[in-house]
Amino acid sequence: MNQDIGFATIAAGLTSGGVVWLTTTATINEADLGIERWSPAGDVTEQYVTGWAETSSPYVYKLARVDATGKFLESLVVPNAIFPSPNRVPRFPTGSVMAT
């Protein structure tokens, strides 16, 4: 079995969009997805910060910024530090997000 990370939207009328696969790795299982809408100061573009783990030994964590269609807005980031709960991407009142 292989597990990958997908992104799909649900419209106000509860209709779903197609799945955009953020990962398509045949030999790596990804897990522990977290996603949070992000609104940087002065930018009204709908976008999200998402993170997941590659379940290799040791785990490899990845962070990405994607738009409302699941398109990557910049290259994947591999954090220097390990965060204990990759499926939690908290948002602060300022609109900032941080993987914890």
PDB file of N, CA and C in Angstrom:
ATOM      1  N   MET A   1       0.848  -1.186   0.000  1.00  0.00           N
ATOM      2  CA  MET A   1       0.000   0.000   0.000  1.00  0.00           C
ATOM      3  C   MET A   1       0.884   1.236   0.000  1.00  0.00           C
ATOM      4  N   ASN A   2       0.443   2.265  -0.713  1.00  0.00           N
ATOM      5  CA  ASN A   2       1.156   3.530  -0.758  1.00  0.00           C
ATOM      6  C   ASN A   2       0.212   4.640  -0.337  1.00  0.00           C
ATOM      7  N   GLN A   3       0.704   5.566   0.489  1.00  0.00           N
ATOM      8  CA  GLN A   3      -0.088   6.707   0.942  1.00  0.00           C
ATOM      9  C   GLN A   3       0.537   7.985   0.409  1.00  0.00           C
ATOM     10  N   ASP A   4      -0.276   8.819  -0.231  1.00  0.00           N
ATOM     11  CA  ASP A   4       0.171  10.111  -0.713  1.00  0.00           C
ATOM     12  C   ASP A   4      -0.720  11.196  -0.134  1.00  0.00           C
ATOM     13  N   ILE A   5      -0.338  12.454  -0.350  1.00  0.00           N
ATOM     14  CA  ILE A   5      -1.067  13.603   0.181  1.00  0.00           C
ATOM     15  C   ILE A   5      -1.835  14.273  -0.958  1.00  0.00           C
ATOM     16  N   GLY A   6      -3.146  14.433  -0.792  1.00  0.00           N
ATOM     17  CA  GLY A   6      -3.991  15.072  -1.786  1.00  0.00           C
ATOM     18  C   GLY A   6      -4.621  16.336  -1.237  1.00  0.00           C
ATOM     19  N   PHE A   7      -5.015  17.224  -2.145  1.00  0.00           N
ATOM     20  CA  PHE A   7      -5.651  18.496  -1.800  1.00  0.00           C
ATOM     21  C   PHE A   7      -6.918  18.600  -2.635  1.00  0.00           C
ATOM     22  N   ALA A   8      -8.047  18.849  -1.987  1.00  0.00           N
ATOM     23  CA  ALA A   8      -9.307  19.025  -2.705  1.00  0.00           C
ATOM     24  C   ALA A   8     -10.081  20.162  -2.052  1.00  0.00           C
ATOM     25  N   THR A   9     -10.894  20.838  -2.842  1.00  0.00           N
ATOM     26  CA  THR A   9     -11.698  21.938  -2.320  1.00  0.00           C
ATOM     27  C   THR A   9     -13.161  21.523  -2.245  1.00  0.00           C
ATOM     28  N   ILE A  10     -13.885  22.187  -1.339  1.00  0.00           N
ATOM     29  CA  ILE A  10     -15.327  21.996  -1.212  1.00  0.00           C
ATOM     30  C   ILE A  10     -15.953  23.374  -1.292  1.00  0.00           C
ATOM     31  N   ALA A  11     -16.812  23.590  -2.277  1.00  0.00           N
ATOM     32  CA  ALA A  11     -17.442  24.887  -2.494  1.00  0.00           C
ATOM     33  C   ALA A  11     -18.550  25.132  -1.474  1.00  0.00           C
ATOM     34  N   ALA A  12     -19.043  26.364  -1.448  1.00  0.00           N
ATOM     35  CA  ALA A  12     -20.102  26.733  -0.508  1.00  0.00           C
ATOM     36  C   ALA A  12     -21.336  25.856  -0.675  1.00  0.00           C
ATOM     37  N   GLY A  13     -21.622  25.398  -1.891  1.00  0.00           N
ATOM     38  CA  GLY A  13     -22.764  24.522  -2.140  1.00  0.00           C
ATOM     39  C   GLY A  13     -22.485  23.065  -1.853  1.00  0.00           C
ATOM     40  N   LEU A  14     -21.335  22.786  -1.222  1.00  0.00           N
ATOM     41  CA  LEU A  14     -20.900  21.450  -0.838  1.00  0.00           C
ATOM     42  C   LEU A  14     -20.536  20.555  -2.022  1.00  0.00           C
ATOM     43  N   THR A  15     -20.219  21.162  -3.164  1.00  0.00           N
ATOM     44  CA  THR A  15     -19.706  20.380  -4.279  1.00  0.00           C
ATOM     45  C   THR A  15     -18.189  20.308  -4.148  1.00  0.00           C
ATOM     46  N   SER A  16     -17.641  19.159  -4.479  1.00  0.00           N
ATOM     47  CA  SER A  16     -16.202  18.990  -4.310  1.00  0.00           C
ATOM     48  C   SER A  16     -15.477  19.158  -5.634  1.00  0.00           C
ATOM     49  N   GLY A  17     -14.272  19.686  -5.531  1.00  0.00           N
ATOM     50  CA  GLY A  17     -13.411  19.785  -6.698  1.00  0.00           C
ATOM     51  C   GLY A  17     -12.601  18.506  -6.829  1.00  0.00           C
ATOM     52  N   GLY A  18     -11.848  18.408  -7.887  1.00  0.00           N
ATOM     53  CA  GLY A  18     -10.999  17.244  -8.083  1.00  0.00           C
ATOM     54  C   GLY A  18      -9.820  17.244  -7.123  1.00  0.00           C
ATOM     55  N   VAL A  19      -9.234  16.099  -6.945  1.00  0.00           N
ATOM     56  CA  VAL A  19      -8.070  15.969  -6.070  1.00  0.00           C
ATOM     57  C   VAL A  19      -6.815  16.376  -6.834  1.00  0.00           C
ATOM     58  N   VAL A  20      -6.010  17.236  -6.199  1.00  0.00           N
ATOM     59  CA  VAL A  20      -4.682  17.575  -6.701  1.00  0.00           C
ATOM     60  C   VAL A  20      -3.701  16.873  -5.780  1.00  0.00           C
ATOM     61  N   TRP A  21      -2.858  16.029  -6.311  1.00  0.00           N
ATOM     62  CA  TRP A  21      -1.923  15.270  -5.479  1.00  0.00           C
ATOM     63  C   TRP A  21      -0.685  16.115  -5.212  1.00  0.00           C
ATOM     64  N   LEU A  22      -0.422  16.377  -3.917  1.00  0.00           N
ATOM     65  CA  LEU A  22       0.772  17.125  -3.522  1.00  0.00           C
ATOM     66  C   LEU A  22       1.996  16.219  -3.512  1.00  0.00           C
ATOM     67  N   THR A  23       1.768  14.925  -3.340  1.00  0.00           N
ATOM     68  CA  THR A  23       2.850  13.945  -3.413  1.00  0.00           C
ATOM     69  C   THR A  23       2.392  12.798  -4.298  1.00  0.00           C
ATOM     70  N   THR A  24       3.322  12.219  -5.013  1.00  0.00           N
ATOM     71  CA  THR A  24       3.025  11.044  -5.853  1.00  0.00           C
ATOM     72  C   THR A  24       4.246  10.132  -5.838  1.00  0.00           C
ATOM     73  N   THR A  25       4.575   9.664  -4.666  1.00  0.00           N
ATOM     74  CA  THR A  25       5.764   8.835  -4.505  1.00  0.00           C
ATOM     75  C   THR A  25       5.360   7.375  -4.377  1.00  0.00           C
ATOM     76  N   ALA A  26       5.910   6.544  -5.206  1.00  0.00           N
ATOM     77  CA  ALA A  26       5.539   5.127  -5.213  1.00  0.00           C
ATOM     78  C   ALA A  26       6.158   4.349  -4.051  1.00  0.00           C
ATOM     79  N   THR A  27       7.284   4.806  -3.533  1.00  0.00           N
ATOM     80  CA  THR A  27       7.995   4.027  -2.517  1.00  0.00           C
ATOM     81  C   THR A  27       8.045   4.696  -1.149  1.00  0.00           C
ATOM     82  N   ILE A  28       7.396   5.856  -1.007  1.00  0.00           N
ATOM     83  CA  ILE A  28       7.412   6.578   0.267  1.00  0.00           C
ATOM     84  C   ILE A  28       5.973   6.783   0.720  1.00  0.00           C
ATOM     85  N   ASN A  29       5.692   6.443   1.963  1.00  0.00           N
ATOM     86  CA  ASN A  29       4.384   6.712   2.546  1.00  0.00           C
ATOM     87  C   ASN A  29       4.428   8.046   3.272  1.00  0.00           C
ATOM     88  N   GLU A  30       3.489   8.937   2.925  1.00  0.00           N
ATOM     89  CA  GLU A  30       3.362  10.204   3.634  1.00  0.00           C
ATOM     90  C   GLU A  30       2.180  10.107   4.591  1.00  0.00           C
ATOM     91  N   ALA A  31       2.285  10.811   5.716  1.00  0.00           N
ATOM     92  CA  ALA A  31       1.245  10.736   6.740  1.00  0.00           C
ATOM     93  C   ALA A  31       1.231  12.026   7.546  1.00  0.00           C
ATOM     94  N   ASP A  32       0.301  12.098   8.494  1.00  0.00           N
ATOM     95  CA  ASP A  32       0.229  13.188   9.471  1.00  0.00           C
ATOM     96  C   ASP A  32       0.066  14.554   8.815  1.00  0.00           C
ATOM     97  N   LEU A  33      -0.860  14.653   7.869  1.00  0.00           N
ATOM     98  CA  LEU A  33      -1.109  15.910   7.170  1.00  0.00           C
ATOM     99  C   LEU A  33      -1.687  16.956   8.099  1.00  0.00           C
ATOM    100  N   GLY A  34      -1.215  18.166   7.956  1.00  0.00           N
ATOM    101  CA  GLY A  34      -1.790  19.330   8.627  1.00  0.00           C
ATOM    102  C   GLY A  34      -1.933  20.437   7.605  1.00  0.00           C
ATOM    103  N   ILE A  35      -2.999  21.219   7.708  1.00  0.00           N
ATOM    104  CA  ILE A  35      -3.204  22.325   6.766  1.00  0.00           C
ATOM    105  C   ILE A  35      -3.902  23.469   7.486  1.00  0.00           C
ATOM    106  N   GLU A  36      -3.528  24.690   7.123  1.00  0.00           N
ATOM    107  CA  GLU A  36      -4.139  25.876   7.718  1.00  0.00           C
ATOM    108  C   GLU A  36      -4.116  26.990   6.696  1.00  0.00           C
ATOM    109  N   ARG A  37      -5.226  27.714   6.596  1.00  0.00           N
ATOM    110  CA  ARG A  37      -5.251  28.878   5.709  1.00  0.00           C
ATOM    111  C   ARG A  37      -4.292  29.924   6.253  1.00  0.00           C
ATOM    112  N   TRP A  38      -3.578  30.588   5.361  1.00  0.00           N
ATOM    113  CA  TRP A  38      -2.591  31.596   5.755  1.00  0.00           C
ATOM    114  C   TRP A  38      -2.865  32.871   4.991  1.00  0.00           C
ATOM    115  N   SER A  39      -2.876  33.983   5.717  1.00  0.00           N
ATOM    116  CA  SER A  39      -3.110  35.291   5.109  1.00  0.00           C
ATOM    117  C   SER A  39      -1.977  36.230   5.486  1.00  0.00           C
ATOM    118  N   PRO A  40      -0.887  36.246   4.696  1.00  0.00           N
ATOM    119  CA  PRO A  40       0.203  37.162   5.021  1.00  0.00           C
ATOM    120  C   PRO A  40      -0.248  38.616   4.888  1.00  0.00           C
ATOM    121  N   ALA A  41       0.345  39.478   5.670  1.00  0.00           N
ATOM    122  CA  ALA A  41      -0.019  40.898   5.672  1.00  0.00           C
ATOM    123  C   ALA A  41       0.034  41.474   4.263  1.00  0.00           C
ATOM    124  N   GLY A  42      -1.044  42.136   3.875  1.00  0.00           N
ATOM    125  CA  GLY A  42      -1.098  42.809   2.586  1.00  0.00           C
ATOM    126  C   GLY A  42      -1.370  41.907   1.396  1.00  0.00           C
ATOM    127  N   ASP A  43      -1.624  40.630   1.620  1.00  0.00           N
ATOM    128  CA  ASP A  43      -1.857  39.689   0.525  1.00  0.00           C
ATOM    129  C   ASP A  43      -3.225  39.046   0.731  1.00  0.00           C
ATOM    130  N   VAL A  44      -4.150  39.282  -0.185  1.00  0.00           N
ATOM    131  CA  VAL A  44      -5.509  38.746  -0.039  1.00  0.00           C
ATOM    132  C   VAL A  44      -5.701  37.441  -0.810  1.00  0.00           C
ATOM    133  N   THR A  45      -4.637  36.916  -1.413  1.00  0.00           N
ATOM    134  CA  THR A  45      -4.704  35.669  -2.164  1.00  0.00           C
ATOM    135  C   THR A  45      -5.018  34.514  -1.218  1.00  0.00           C
ATOM    136  N   GLU A  46      -5.985  33.661  -1.585  1.00  0.00           N
ATOM    137  CA  GLU A  46      -6.284  32.485  -0.768  1.00  0.00           C
ATOM    138  C   GLU A  46      -5.125  31.500  -0.886  1.00  0.00           C
ATOM    139  N   GLN A  47      -4.524  31.182   0.261  1.00  0.00           N
ATOM    140  CA  GLN A  47      -3.399  30.259   0.264  1.00  0.00           C
ATOM    141  C   GLN A  47      -3.340  29.514   1.592  1.00  0.00           C
ATOM    142  N   TYR A  48      -2.571  28.423   1.584  1.00  0.00           N
ATOM    143  CA  TYR A  48      -2.525  27.527   2.733  1.00  0.00           C
ATOM    144  C   TYR A  48      -1.088  27.099   3.008  1.00  0.00           C
ATOM    145  N   VAL A  49      -0.804  26.864   4.285  1.00  0.00           N
ATOM    146  CA  VAL A  49       0.434  26.209   4.687  1.00  0.00           C
ATOM    147  C   VAL A  49       0.045  24.779   5.040  1.00  0.00           C
ATOM    148  N   THR A  50       0.756  23.837   4.481  1.00  0.00           N
ATOM    149  CA  THR A  50       0.472  22.439   4.734  1.00  0.00           C
ATOM    150  C   THR A  50       1.766  21.720   5.097  1.00  0.00           C
ATOM    151  N   GLY A  51       1.657  20.707   5.899  1.00  0.00           N
ATOM    152  CA  GLY A  51       2.832  19.945   6.300  1.00  0.00           C
ATOM    153  C   GLY A  51       2.485  18.475   6.436  1.00  0.00           C
ATOM    154  N   TRP A  52       3.474  17.637   6.254  1.00  0.00           N
ATOM    155  CA  TRP A  52       3.289  16.191   6.395  1.00  0.00           C
ATOM    156  C   TRP A  52       4.619  15.544   6.714  1.00  0.00           C
ATOM    157  N   ALA A  53       4.560  14.276   7.004  1.00  0.00           N
ATOM    158  CA  ALA A  53       5.769  13.511   7.310  1.00  0.00           C
ATOM    159  C   ALA A  53       5.914  12.380   6.307  1.00  0.00           C
ATOM    160  N   GLU A  54       7.152  12.160   5.883  1.00  0.00           N
ATOM    161  CA  GLU A  54       7.474  10.940   5.145  1.00  0.00           C
ATOM    162  C   GLU A  54       7.841   9.914   6.194  1.00  0.00           C
ATOM    163  N   THR A  55       7.187   8.772   6.173  1.00  0.00           N
ATOM    164  CA  THR A  55       7.298   7.818   7.278  1.00  0.00           C
ATOM    165  C   THR A  55       8.505   6.899   7.165  1.00  0.00           C
ATOM    166  N   SER A  56       9.589   7.455   6.655  1.00  0.00           N
ATOM    167  CA  SER A  56      10.838   6.691   6.608  1.00  0.00           C
ATOM    168  C   SER A  56      11.441   6.683   8.008  1.00  0.00           C
ATOM    169  N   SER A  57      12.594   6.111   8.166  1.00  0.00           N
ATOM    170  CA  SER A  57      13.261   6.105   9.462  1.00  0.00           C
ATOM    171  C   SER A  57      14.591   6.837   9.315  1.00  0.00           C
ATOM    172  N   PRO A  58      14.764   8.003   9.896  1.00  0.00           N
ATOM    173  CA  PRO A  58      13.778   8.742  10.689  1.00  0.00           C
ATOM    174  C   PRO A  58      12.750   9.444   9.796  1.00  0.00           C
ATOM    175  N   TYR A  59      11.659   9.900  10.435  1.00  0.00           N
ATOM    176  CA  TYR A  59      10.654  10.671   9.706  1.00  0.00           C
ATOM    177  C   TYR A  59      11.324  11.875   9.059  1.00  0.00           C
ATOM    178  N   VAL A  60      10.838  12.259   7.888  1.00  0.00           N
ATOM    179  CA  VAL A  60      11.267  13.488   7.225  1.00  0.00           C
ATOM    180  C   VAL A  60      10.031  14.360   7.106  1.00  0.00           C
ATOM    181  N   TYR A  61      10.097  15.563   7.667  1.00  0.00           N
ATOM    182  CA  TYR A  61       8.958  16.469   7.655  1.00  0.00           C
ATOM    183  C   TYR A  61       9.078  17.442   6.488  1.00  0.00           C
ATOM    184  N   LYS A  62       7.946  17.770   5.867  1.00  0.00           N
ATOM    185  CA  LYS A  62       7.901  18.694   4.740  1.00  0.00           C
ATOM    186  C   LYS A  62       6.842  19.758   5.006  1.00  0.00           C
ATOM    187  N   LEU A  63       7.144  20.983   4.600  1.00  0.00           N
ATOM    188  CA  LEU A  63       6.187  22.079   4.659  1.00  0.00           C
ATOM    189  C   LEU A  63       6.046  22.672   3.268  1.00  0.00           C
ATOM    190  N   ALA A  64       4.835  23.102   2.937  1.00  0.00           N
ATOM    191  CA  ALA A  64       4.596  23.704   1.631  1.00  0.00           C
ATOM    192  C   ALA A  64       3.581  24.826   1.763  1.00  0.00           C
ATOM    193  N   ARG A  65       3.659  25.758   0.836  1.00  0.00           N
ATOM    194  CA  ARG A  65       2.649  26.819   0.715  1.00  0.00           C
ATOM    195  C   ARG A  65       1.976  26.604  -0.628  1.00  0.00           C
ATOM    196  N   VAL A  66       0.644  26.443  -0.602  1.00  0.00           N
ATOM    197  CA  VAL A  66      -0.115  26.161  -1.821  1.00  0.00           C
ATOM    198  C   VAL A  66      -1.246  27.172  -1.972  1.00  0.00           C
ATOM    199  N   ASP A  67      -1.701  27.346  -3.226  1.00  0.00           N
ATOM    200  CA  ASP A  67      -2.827  28.239  -3.461  1.00  0.00           C
ATOM    201  C   ASP A  67      -4.145  27.469  -3.342  1.00  0.00           C
ATOM    202  N   ALA A  68      -5.243  28.129  -3.672  1.00  0.00           N
ATOM    203  CA  ALA A  68      -6.572  27.538  -3.497  1.00  0.00           C
ATOM    204  C   ALA A  68      -6.829  26.350  -4.423  1.00  0.00           C
ATOM    205  N   THR A  69      -5.971  26.150  -5.429  1.00  0.00           N
ATOM    206  CA  THR A  69      -6.136  25.008  -6.330  1.00  0.00           C
ATOM    207  C   THR A  69      -5.167  23.876  -5.997  1.00  0.00           C
ATOM    208  N   GLY A  70      -4.313  24.071  -4.981  1.00  0.00           N
ATOM    209  CA  GLY A  70      -3.325  23.057  -4.616  1.00  0.00           C
ATOM    210  C   GLY A  70      -1.993  23.236  -5.316  1.00  0.00           C
ATOM    211  N   LYS A  71      -1.836  24.315  -6.075  1.00  0.00           N
ATOM    212  CA  LYS A  71      -0.576  24.586  -6.774  1.00  0.00           C
ATOM    213  C   LYS A  71       0.465  25.095  -5.779  1.00  0.00           C
ATOM    214  N   PHE A  72       1.672  24.526  -5.851  1.00  0.00           N
ATOM    215  CA  PHE A  72       2.755  24.978  -4.985  1.00  0.00           C
ATOM    216  C   PHE A  72       3.125  26.415  -5.330  1.00  0.00           C
ATOM    217  N   LEU A  73       3.206  27.268  -4.317  1.00  0.00           N
ATOM    218  CA  LEU A  73       3.581  28.662  -4.519  1.00  0.00           C
ATOM    219  C   LEU A  73       5.076  28.882  -4.347  1.00  0.00           C
ATOM    220  N   GLU A  74       5.744  27.943  -3.744  1.00  0.00           N
ATOM    221  CA  GLU A  74       7.199  27.968  -3.606  1.00  0.00           C
ATOM    222  C   GLU A  74       7.672  26.548  -3.342  1.00  0.00           C
ATOM    223  N   SER A  75       8.961  26.361  -3.341  1.00  0.00           N
ATOM    224  CA  SER A  75       9.528  25.023  -3.148  1.00  0.00           C
ATOM    225  C   SER A  75       9.213  24.472  -1.766  1.00  0.00           C
ATOM    226  N   LEU A  76       9.157  23.149  -1.674  1.00  0.00           N
ATOM    227  CA  LEU A  76       8.976  22.488  -0.379  1.00  0.00           C
ATOM    228  C   LEU A  76      10.095  22.882   0.571  1.00  0.00           C
ATOM    229  N   VAL A  77       9.775  22.926   1.849  1.00  0.00           N
ATOM    230  CA  VAL A  77      10.745  23.233   2.893  1.00  0.00           C
ATOM    231  C   VAL A  77      10.896  22.006   3.780  1.00  0.00           C
ATOM    232  N   VAL A  78      12.128  21.644   4.076  1.00  0.00           N
ATOM    233  CA  VAL A  78      12.410  20.590   5.047  1.00  0.00           C
ATOM    234  C   VAL A  78      12.944  21.303   6.287  1.00  0.00           C
ATOM    235  N   PRO A  79      12.141  21.384   7.364  1.00  0.00           N
ATOM    236  CA  PRO A  79      12.564  22.131   8.554  1.00  0.00           C
ATOM    237  C   PRO A  79      13.818  21.534   9.183  1.00  0.00           C
ATOM    238  N   ASN A  80      14.650  22.407   9.772  1.00  0.00           N
ATOM    239  CA  ASN A  80      15.852  21.958  10.485  1.00  0.00           C
ATOM    240  C   ASN A  80      15.499  21.259  11.788  1.00  0.00           C
ATOM    241  N   ALA A  81      14.415  21.674  12.403  1.00  0.00           N
ATOM    242  CA  ALA A  81      14.007  21.100  13.682  1.00  0.00           C
ATOM    243  C   ALA A  81      12.843  20.149  13.451  1.00  0.00           C
ATOM    244  N   ILE A  82      12.722  19.174  14.304  1.00  0.00           N
ATOM    245  CA  ILE A  82      11.604  18.240  14.244  1.00  0.00           C
ATOM    246  C   ILE A  82      10.478  18.797  15.091  1.00  0.00           C
ATOM    247  N   PHE A  83       9.292  18.889  14.527  1.00  0.00           N
ATOM    248  CA  PHE A  83       8.151  19.353  15.302  1.00  0.00           C
ATOM    249  C   PHE A  83       7.315  18.147  15.682  1.00  0.00           C
ATOM    250  N   PRO A  84       6.876  18.077  16.937  1.00  0.00           N
ATOM    251  CA  PRO A  84       6.259  16.853  17.452  1.00  0.00           C
ATOM    252  C   PRO A  84       4.889  16.520  16.877  1.00  0.00           C
ATOM    253  N   SER A  85       4.149  17.474  16.367  1.00  0.00           N
ATOM    254  CA  SER A  85       2.796  17.195  15.874  1.00  0.00           C
ATOM    255  C   SER A  85       2.637  17.769  14.477  1.00  0.00           C
ATOM    256  N   PRO A  86       3.102  17.068  13.448  1.00  0.00           N
ATOM    257  CA  PRO A  86       3.027  17.633  12.110  1.00  0.00           C
ATOM    258  C   PRO A  86       1.611  17.854  11.611  1.00  0.00           C
ATOM    259  N   ASN A  87       0.617  17.219  12.251  1.00  0.00           N
ATOM    260  CA  ASN A  87      -0.754  17.415  11.809  1.00  0.00           C
ATOM    261  C   ASN A  87      -1.416  18.612  12.487  1.00  0.00           C
ATOM    262  N   ARG A  88      -0.624  19.441  13.131  1.00  0.00           N
ATOM    263  CA  ARG A  88      -1.154  20.653  13.754  1.00  0.00           C
ATOM    264  C   ARG A  88      -0.372  21.842  13.228  1.00  0.00           C
ATOM    265  N   VAL A  89      -1.051  22.720  12.535  1.00  0.00           N
ATOM    266  CA  VAL A  89      -0.442  23.940  12.038  1.00  0.00           C
ATOM    267  C   VAL A  89      -1.259  25.087  12.621  1.00  0.00           C
ATOM    268  N   PRO A  90      -0.921  25.545  13.844  1.00  0.00           N
ATOM    269  CA  PRO A  90      -1.757  26.562  14.494  1.00  0.00           C
ATOM    270  C   PRO A  90      -1.644  27.917  13.808  1.00  0.00           C
ATOM    271  N   ARG A  91      -2.727  28.658  13.884  1.00  0.00           N
ATOM    272  CA  ARG A  91      -2.761  30.007  13.335  1.00  0.00           C
ATOM    273  C   ARG A  91      -2.933  30.982  14.484  1.00  0.00           C
ATOM    274  N   PHE A  92      -2.214  32.082  14.433  1.00  0.00           N
ATOM    275  CA  PHE A  92      -2.275  33.110  15.454  1.00  0.00           C
ATOM    276  C   PHE A  92      -3.185  34.235  15.000  1.00  0.00           C
ATOM    277  N   PRO A  93      -3.690  35.064  15.935  1.00  0.00           N
ATOM    278  CA  PRO A  93      -4.591  36.160  15.553  1.00  0.00           C
ATOM    279  C   PRO A  93      -3.995  37.112  14.519  1.00  0.00           C
ATOM    280  N   THR A  94      -2.694  37.195  14.439  1.00  0.00           N
ATOM    281  CA  THR A  94      -2.044  38.063  13.463  1.00  0.00           C
ATOM    282  C   THR A  94      -2.085  37.493  12.060  1.00  0.00           C
ATOM    283  N   GLY A  95      -2.498  36.221  11.915  1.00  0.00           N
ATOM    284  CA  GLY A  95      -2.507  35.562  10.615  1.00  0.00           C
ATOM    285  C   GLY A  95      -1.263  34.714  10.396  1.00  0.00           C
ATOM    286  N   SER A  96      -0.313  34.782  11.330  1.00  0.00           N
ATOM    287  CA  SER A  96       0.899  33.971  11.225  1.00  0.00           C
ATOM    288  C   SER A  96       0.578  32.516  11.521  1.00  0.00           C
ATOM    289  N   VAL A  97       1.353  31.618  10.945  1.00  0.00           N
ATOM    290  CA  VAL A  97       1.202  30.211  11.271  1.00  0.00           C
ATOM    291  C   VAL A  97       2.560  29.649  11.678  1.00  0.00           C
ATOM    292  N   MET A  98       2.510  28.582  12.448  1.00  0.00           N
ATOM    293  CA  MET A  98       3.758  27.949  12.876  1.00  0.00           C
ATOM    294  C   MET A  98       3.503  26.471  13.046  1.00  0.00           C
ATOM    295  N   ALA A  99       4.367  25.649  12.510  1.00  0.00           N
ATOM    296  CA  ALA A  99       4.262  24.216  12.746  1.00  0.00           C
ATOM    297  C   ALA A  99       4.812  23.923  14.123  1.00  0.00           C
ATOM    298  N   THR A 100       4.036  23.197  14.921  1.00  0.00           N
ATOM    299  CA  THR A 100       4.492  22.892  16.278  1.00  0.00           C
ATOM    300  C   THR A 100       4.668  21.409  16.441  1.00  0.00           C
TER     301      THR A 100
END
